[in-house]
Amino acid sequence: MDAKKVRLGRAEALALAKSAARVVVAKGQSIVTFDMKTPPSDAELLQAILGPTGNLRAPTLRVGRTLLVGFDLDTYQAHLGK
């Protein structure tokens, strides 16, 4: 979906993240991976996946049971193939 047309707020973003087996968040140079079998607190997860507007950060991709939030070329190549 187009993030400019459809905005996901706190509740929707949290539900999306909790439906994944793994959430990989790229912020700047750091990559944080959450194993949702032992999920972090809602506050910690939301802090990682929400942008300054309070909506889900873009780009966000769902690849199988993995949710990729933010952009990192190496992470994308690892999950999508080269």
N, C-alpha and C. Protein backbone atom coordinates (compact mmCIF):
# COMPACT_ATOMS: atom_id res chain seq x y z
N MET A 1 0.83 -1.18 0.00
CA MET A 1 0.00 0.00 0.00
C MET A 1 0.87 1.24 0.00
N ASP A 2 0.32 2.31 -0.41
CA ASP A 2 1.04 3.58 -0.51
C ASP A 2 0.98 4.29 0.84
N ALA A 3 2.15 4.50 1.45
CA ALA A 3 2.21 5.14 2.78
C ALA A 3 1.75 6.59 2.75
N LYS A 4 1.73 7.21 1.57
CA LYS A 4 1.23 8.58 1.48
C LYS A 4 -0.29 8.63 1.55
N LYS A 5 -0.93 7.53 1.17
CA LYS A 5 -2.38 7.49 1.16
C LYS A 5 -2.97 6.77 2.37
N VAL A 6 -2.26 5.76 2.86
CA VAL A 6 -2.74 4.96 3.99
C VAL A 6 -1.74 5.09 5.12
N ARG A 7 -2.15 5.67 6.22
CA ARG A 7 -1.27 5.83 7.39
C ARG A 7 -1.67 4.82 8.46
N LEU A 8 -0.69 4.14 9.01
CA LEU A 8 -0.94 3.21 10.11
C LEU A 8 -0.47 3.85 11.40
N GLY A 9 -1.39 4.05 12.33
CA GLY A 9 -1.07 4.63 13.63
C GLY A 9 -0.57 3.59 14.60
N ARG A 10 -0.55 3.95 15.86
CA ARG A 10 0.00 3.08 16.92
C ARG A 10 -0.64 1.71 16.94
N ALA A 11 -1.96 1.66 17.03
CA ALA A 11 -2.66 0.38 17.17
C ALA A 11 -2.46 -0.52 15.96
N GLU A 12 -2.57 0.05 14.77
CA GLU A 12 -2.41 -0.74 13.55
C GLU A 12 -0.98 -1.22 13.37
N ALA A 13 -0.02 -0.34 13.67
CA ALA A 13 1.39 -0.71 13.54
C ALA A 13 1.75 -1.81 14.54
N LEU A 14 1.25 -1.70 15.75
CA LEU A 14 1.52 -2.72 16.76
C LEU A 14 0.92 -4.06 16.36
N ALA A 15 -0.30 -4.05 15.85
CA ALA A 15 -0.95 -5.28 15.41
C ALA A 15 -0.17 -5.92 14.26
N LEU A 16 0.30 -5.11 13.33
CA LEU A 16 1.08 -5.62 12.21
C LEU A 16 2.37 -6.26 12.70
N ALA A 17 3.07 -5.59 13.59
CA ALA A 17 4.33 -6.12 14.13
C ALA A 17 4.10 -7.41 14.90
N LYS A 18 3.04 -7.47 15.67
CA LYS A 18 2.76 -8.67 16.47
C LYS A 18 2.33 -9.86 15.62
N SER A 19 1.88 -9.60 14.39
CA SER A 19 1.49 -10.69 13.51
C SER A 19 2.69 -11.32 12.81
N ALA A 20 3.85 -10.72 12.93
CA ALA A 20 5.07 -11.23 12.29
C ALA A 20 5.83 -12.14 13.27
N ALA A 21 6.64 -13.02 12.71
CA ALA A 21 7.50 -13.87 13.54
C ALA A 21 8.77 -13.13 13.94
N ARG A 22 9.18 -12.20 13.07
CA ARG A 22 10.39 -11.42 13.33
C ARG A 22 10.19 -10.03 12.76
N VAL A 23 10.69 -9.02 13.49
CA VAL A 23 10.63 -7.63 13.04
C VAL A 23 12.06 -7.12 12.98
N VAL A 24 12.46 -6.65 11.80
CA VAL A 24 13.81 -6.12 11.59
C VAL A 24 13.66 -4.62 11.33
N VAL A 25 14.28 -3.81 12.19
CA VAL A 25 14.14 -2.36 12.10
C VAL A 25 15.50 -1.74 11.77
N ALA A 26 15.52 -0.95 10.70
CA ALA A 26 16.73 -0.22 10.31
C ALA A 26 16.51 1.25 10.64
N LYS A 27 17.37 1.78 11.50
CA LYS A 27 17.34 3.20 11.86
C LYS A 27 18.75 3.73 11.74
N GLY A 28 18.97 4.55 10.74
CA GLY A 28 20.33 5.05 10.53
C GLY A 28 21.26 3.90 10.23
N GLN A 29 22.34 3.80 10.97
CA GLN A 29 23.31 2.73 10.76
C GLN A 29 23.03 1.50 11.60
N SER A 30 22.04 1.57 12.50
CA SER A 30 21.79 0.43 13.38
C SER A 30 20.63 -0.42 12.87
N ILE A 31 20.77 -1.72 13.08
CA ILE A 31 19.75 -2.69 12.72
C ILE A 31 19.36 -3.41 14.01
N VAL A 32 18.07 -3.42 14.32
CA VAL A 32 17.58 -4.10 15.52
C VAL A 32 16.61 -5.17 15.06
N THR A 33 16.79 -6.40 15.57
CA THR A 33 15.90 -7.50 15.23
C THR A 33 15.15 -7.94 16.48
N PHE A 34 13.84 -8.03 16.35
CA PHE A 34 12.99 -8.50 17.44
C PHE A 34 12.46 -9.88 17.07
N ASP A 35 12.72 -10.87 17.91
CA ASP A 35 12.14 -12.20 17.75
C ASP A 35 10.80 -12.16 18.46
N MET A 36 9.73 -12.28 17.71
CA MET A 36 8.41 -12.10 18.29
C MET A 36 7.92 -13.32 19.07
N LYS A 37 8.75 -14.38 19.14
CA LYS A 37 8.42 -15.50 20.02
C LYS A 37 8.58 -15.06 21.47
N THR A 38 9.53 -14.17 21.70
CA THR A 38 9.71 -13.55 23.01
C THR A 38 9.65 -12.03 22.77
N PRO A 39 8.45 -11.51 22.56
CA PRO A 39 8.31 -10.12 22.12
C PRO A 39 8.77 -9.10 23.16
N PRO A 40 9.24 -7.96 22.67
CA PRO A 40 9.60 -6.87 23.57
C PRO A 40 8.32 -6.22 24.11
N SER A 41 8.49 -5.27 24.99
CA SER A 41 7.32 -4.54 25.48
C SER A 41 6.72 -3.75 24.33
N ASP A 42 5.43 -3.45 24.44
CA ASP A 42 4.77 -2.65 23.40
C ASP A 42 5.47 -1.32 23.22
N ALA A 43 5.88 -0.70 24.32
CA ALA A 43 6.54 0.61 24.25
C ALA A 43 7.85 0.53 23.48
N GLU A 44 8.65 -0.51 23.73
CA GLU A 44 9.93 -0.68 23.05
C GLU A 44 9.72 -0.93 21.55
N LEU A 45 8.74 -1.76 21.23
CA LEU A 45 8.45 -2.07 19.84
C LEU A 45 7.94 -0.83 19.11
N LEU A 46 7.03 -0.11 19.72
CA LEU A 46 6.49 1.10 19.10
C LEU A 46 7.56 2.16 18.90
N GLN A 47 8.45 2.30 19.85
CA GLN A 47 9.53 3.29 19.73
C GLN A 47 10.38 2.98 18.49
N ALA A 48 10.55 1.70 18.19
CA ALA A 48 11.40 1.31 17.06
C ALA A 48 10.68 1.47 15.72
N ILE A 49 9.39 1.17 15.66
CA ILE A 49 8.71 1.12 14.37
C ILE A 49 7.94 2.37 13.99
N LEU A 50 7.71 3.27 14.95
CA LEU A 50 6.98 4.50 14.63
C LEU A 50 7.94 5.63 14.31
N GLY A 51 7.53 6.47 13.37
CA GLY A 51 8.31 7.63 13.02
C GLY A 51 7.93 8.82 13.88
N PRO A 52 8.50 9.99 13.60
CA PRO A 52 8.23 11.19 14.40
C PRO A 52 6.78 11.66 14.32
N THR A 53 6.05 11.25 13.30
CA THR A 53 4.65 11.65 13.19
C THR A 53 3.72 10.75 14.00
N GLY A 54 4.25 9.65 14.52
CA GLY A 54 3.44 8.71 15.28
C GLY A 54 2.84 7.63 14.41
N ASN A 55 3.22 7.60 13.14
CA ASN A 55 2.75 6.57 12.21
C ASN A 55 3.87 5.58 11.93
N LEU A 56 3.49 4.42 11.37
CA LEU A 56 4.47 3.41 10.99
C LEU A 56 5.48 4.00 10.03
N ARG A 57 6.76 3.74 10.29
CA ARG A 57 7.82 4.28 9.44
C ARG A 57 7.77 3.63 8.06
N ALA A 58 8.22 4.38 7.08
CA ALA A 58 8.27 3.88 5.71
C ALA A 58 9.72 3.88 5.26
N PRO A 59 10.13 2.97 4.43
CA PRO A 59 9.32 1.88 3.89
C PRO A 59 9.17 0.75 4.89
N THR A 60 8.08 0.04 4.77
CA THR A 60 7.84 -1.16 5.56
C THR A 60 7.43 -2.26 4.59
N LEU A 61 8.09 -3.39 4.68
CA LEU A 61 7.80 -4.53 3.82
C LEU A 61 7.51 -5.76 4.65
N ARG A 62 6.58 -6.56 4.20
CA ARG A 62 6.34 -7.86 4.81
C ARG A 62 6.87 -8.90 3.84
N VAL A 63 7.85 -9.68 4.29
CA VAL A 63 8.45 -10.73 3.48
C VAL A 63 8.24 -12.04 4.22
N GLY A 64 7.25 -12.80 3.80
CA GLY A 64 6.91 -14.02 4.53
C GLY A 64 6.43 -13.66 5.92
N ARG A 65 7.09 -14.18 6.94
CA ARG A 65 6.70 -13.89 8.33
C ARG A 65 7.61 -12.83 8.95
N THR A 66 8.41 -12.15 8.11
CA THR A 66 9.32 -11.12 8.59
C THR A 66 8.82 -9.75 8.17
N LEU A 67 8.85 -8.81 9.11
CA LEU A 67 8.47 -7.43 8.83
C LEU A 67 9.74 -6.59 8.81
N LEU A 68 10.01 -5.93 7.69
CA LEU A 68 11.17 -5.05 7.56
C LEU A 68 10.71 -3.61 7.65
N VAL A 69 11.24 -2.88 8.62
CA VAL A 69 10.85 -1.49 8.84
C VAL A 69 12.08 -0.61 8.64
N GLY A 70 11.95 0.42 7.80
CA GLY A 70 13.09 1.27 7.48
C GLY A 70 13.87 0.66 6.33
N PHE A 71 14.88 1.36 5.87
CA PHE A 71 15.65 0.88 4.72
C PHE A 71 17.11 0.67 5.07
N ASP A 72 17.59 -0.52 4.73
CA ASP A 72 19.00 -0.86 4.79
C ASP A 72 19.27 -1.82 3.64
N LEU A 73 20.13 -1.44 2.71
CA LEU A 73 20.37 -2.21 1.50
C LEU A 73 20.77 -3.65 1.80
N ASP A 74 21.70 -3.84 2.74
CA ASP A 74 22.16 -5.20 3.06
C ASP A 74 21.03 -6.06 3.62
N THR A 75 20.19 -5.48 4.45
CA THR A 75 19.06 -6.21 5.02
C THR A 75 18.07 -6.58 3.92
N TYR A 76 17.78 -5.65 3.03
CA TYR A 76 16.88 -5.94 1.92
C TYR A 76 17.44 -7.06 1.04
N GLN A 77 18.73 -6.99 0.73
CA GLN A 77 19.33 -8.02 -0.10
C GLN A 77 19.30 -9.38 0.59
N ALA A 78 19.49 -9.40 1.88
CA ALA A 78 19.46 -10.67 2.63
C ALA A 78 18.07 -11.30 2.61
N HIS A 79 17.04 -10.48 2.66
CA HIS A 79 15.68 -11.01 2.71
C HIS A 79 15.00 -11.14 1.36
N LEU A 80 15.43 -10.34 0.39
CA LEU A 80 14.78 -10.36 -0.92
C LEU A 80 15.64 -11.04 -2.00
N GLY A 81 16.88 -11.34 -1.68
CA GLY A 81 17.80 -11.87 -2.68
C GLY A 81 18.51 -10.75 -3.38
N LYS A 82 19.63 -11.04 -4.01
CA LYS A 82 20.43 -9.99 -4.64
C LYS A 82 19.97 -9.71 -6.03
